Amino acid sequence: MHLSYRPAAAEWAQRKGWPDRSHDAAWYHFVDEATPRQLAVLGFPPPGHAFWTPATLSAVALRYPGLDLTPWRDSAGPRL
């Protein structure tokens, strides 16, 4: 659940939720073209993070088939 709070008088303070955009073609295009650093700003664990296992790399490859996962695979070390 994503929640945002603001004072009632601050109508200008809005928040656009990301979940409803997670399958837009524009998002997939962005992910395909983004650098690991750009993706990290948006929540992707950076290359070398313990999150990256054979299972998570496979899952991300299925979700984002255009994303070159080389930086994440190369930094995963001998556990892959």
C-alpha atoms as a PDB file:
ATOM      1  CA  MET A   1       0.000   0.000   0.000  1.00  0.00           C
ATOM      2  CA  HIS A   2       1.372   3.394  -0.993  1.00  0.00           C
ATOM      3  CA  LEU A   3       0.208   6.297   1.135  1.00  0.00           C
ATOM      4  CA  SER A   4       0.958   9.990   1.097  1.00  0.00           C
ATOM      5  CA  TYR A   5      -0.066  12.608   3.588  1.00  0.00           C
ATOM      6  CA  ARG A   6      -0.256  16.368   3.205  1.00  0.00           C
ATOM      7  CA  PRO A   7      -1.904  19.270   4.972  1.00  0.00           C
ATOM      8  CA  ALA A   8      -5.423  19.805   3.630  1.00  0.00           C
ATOM      9  CA  ALA A   9      -4.522  23.362   2.631  1.00  0.00           C
ATOM     10  CA  ALA A  10      -1.714  22.177   0.352  1.00  0.00           C
ATOM     11  CA  GLU A  11      -3.792  21.061  -2.634  1.00  0.00           C
ATOM     12  CA  TRP A  12      -0.749  21.522  -4.851  1.00  0.00           C
ATOM     13  CA  ALA A  13       1.147  18.762  -3.037  1.00  0.00           C
ATOM     14  CA  GLN A  14       0.285  15.698  -5.090  1.00  0.00           C
ATOM     15  CA  ARG A  15       1.898  12.347  -5.615  1.00  0.00           C
ATOM     16  CA  LYS A  16       1.603  10.175  -8.648  1.00  0.00           C
ATOM     17  CA  GLY A  17       1.811   6.517  -7.756  1.00  0.00           C
ATOM     18  CA  TRP A  18       4.219   4.319  -9.691  1.00  0.00           C
ATOM     19  CA  PRO A  19       2.449   0.938  -9.522  1.00  0.00           C
ATOM     20  CA  ASP A  20      -0.115   1.846 -12.160  1.00  0.00           C
ATOM     21  CA  ARG A  21       2.731   2.779 -14.536  1.00  0.00           C
ATOM     22  CA  SER A  22       4.834  -0.343 -13.982  1.00  0.00           C
ATOM     23  CA  HIS A  23       3.740  -1.958 -17.237  1.00  0.00           C
ATOM     24  CA  ASP A  24       3.708   1.088 -19.521  1.00  0.00           C
ATOM     25  CA  ALA A  25       5.757   0.703 -22.677  1.00  0.00           C
ATOM     26  CA  ALA A  26       7.583   3.919 -21.731  1.00  0.00           C
ATOM     27  CA  TRP A  27       8.748   2.361 -18.448  1.00  0.00           C
ATOM     28  CA  TYR A  28      10.083  -0.738 -20.209  1.00  0.00           C
ATOM     29  CA  HIS A  29      11.872   1.476 -22.732  1.00  0.00           C
ATOM     30  CA  PHE A  30      13.407   3.512 -19.916  1.00  0.00           C
ATOM     31  CA  VAL A  31      14.599   0.385 -18.084  1.00  0.00           C
ATOM     32  CA  ASP A  32      16.100  -0.999 -21.293  1.00  0.00           C
ATOM     33  CA  GLU A  33      18.116   2.186 -21.861  1.00  0.00           C
ATOM     34  CA  ALA A  34      18.973   3.182 -18.269  1.00  0.00           C
ATOM     35  CA  THR A  35      22.336   2.741 -16.618  1.00  0.00           C
ATOM     36  CA  PRO A  36      22.677   0.719 -13.428  1.00  0.00           C
ATOM     37  CA  ARG A  37      23.143   3.995 -11.545  1.00  0.00           C
ATOM     38  CA  GLN A  38      19.934   5.468 -12.973  1.00  0.00           C
ATOM     39  CA  LEU A  39      18.030   2.322 -12.051  1.00  0.00           C
ATOM     40  CA  ALA A  40      19.500   2.358  -8.533  1.00  0.00           C
ATOM     41  CA  VAL A  41      18.008   5.809  -7.985  1.00  0.00           C
ATOM     42  CA  LEU A  42      14.607   4.233  -8.630  1.00  0.00           C
ATOM     43  CA  GLY A  43      15.123   1.256  -6.351  1.00  0.00           C
ATOM     44  CA  PHE A  44      16.983  -1.386  -8.369  1.00  0.00           C
ATOM     45  CA  PRO A  45      19.720  -2.841  -6.190  1.00  0.00           C
ATOM     46  CA  PRO A  46      23.087  -1.868  -7.688  1.00  0.00           C
ATOM     47  CA  PRO A  47      25.450  -4.384  -9.233  1.00  0.00           C
ATOM     48  CA  GLY A  48      27.220  -6.349  -6.517  1.00  0.00           C
ATOM     49  CA  HIS A  49      24.300  -6.182  -4.074  1.00  0.00           C
ATOM     50  CA  ALA A  50      23.398  -9.450  -2.340  1.00  0.00           C
ATOM     51  CA  PHE A  51      19.918  -9.243  -3.903  1.00  0.00           C
ATOM     52  CA  TRP A  52      21.361 -10.451  -7.202  1.00  0.00           C
ATOM     53  CA  THR A  53      21.229 -14.236  -7.197  1.00  0.00           C
ATOM     54  CA  PRO A  54      20.640 -16.615 -10.096  1.00  0.00           C
ATOM     55  CA  ALA A  55      16.929 -16.593  -9.236  1.00  0.00           C
ATOM     56  CA  THR A  56      16.546 -12.807  -9.103  1.00  0.00           C
ATOM     57  CA  LEU A  57      18.596 -12.324 -12.270  1.00  0.00           C
ATOM     58  CA  SER A  58      16.353 -14.831 -14.068  1.00  0.00           C
ATOM     59  CA  ALA A  59      13.201 -13.140 -12.795  1.00  0.00           C
ATOM     60  CA  VAL A  60      14.375  -9.679 -13.828  1.00  0.00           C
ATOM     61  CA  ALA A  61      15.375 -11.036 -17.249  1.00  0.00           C
ATOM     62  CA  LEU A  62      11.825 -12.333 -17.690  1.00  0.00           C
ATOM     63  CA  ARG A  63      10.252  -9.042 -16.672  1.00  0.00           C
ATOM     64  CA  TYR A  64      12.680  -6.841 -18.609  1.00  0.00           C
ATOM     65  CA  PRO A  65      13.888  -8.888 -21.599  1.00  0.00           C
ATOM     66  CA  GLY A  66      15.510  -5.810 -23.186  1.00  0.00           C
ATOM     67  CA  LEU A  67      17.640  -4.981 -20.133  1.00  0.00           C
ATOM     68  CA  ASP A  68      21.295  -5.932 -20.470  1.00  0.00           C
ATOM     69  CA  LEU A  69      21.966  -7.597 -17.131  1.00  0.00           C
ATOM     70  CA  THR A  70      25.702  -7.922 -17.785  1.00  0.00           C
ATOM     71  CA  PRO A  71      26.720  -5.373 -15.105  1.00  0.00           C
ATOM     72  CA  TRP A  72      24.716  -7.242 -12.469  1.00  0.00           C
ATOM     73  CA  ARG A  73      25.869 -10.691 -13.588  1.00  0.00           C
ATOM     74  CA  ASP A  74      29.515  -9.615 -13.839  1.00  0.00           C
ATOM     75  CA  SER A  75      29.528  -8.133 -10.348  1.00  0.00           C
ATOM     76  CA  ALA A  76      27.763 -11.063  -8.709  1.00  0.00           C
ATOM     77  CA  GLY A  77      31.044 -12.909  -8.288  1.00  0.00           C
ATOM     78  CA  PRO A  78      31.595 -16.630  -7.881  1.00  0.00           C
ATOM     79  CA  ARG A  79      28.208 -17.372  -6.282  1.00  0.00           C
ATOM     80  CA  LEU A  80      26.716 -17.465  -9.790  1.00  0.00           C
END
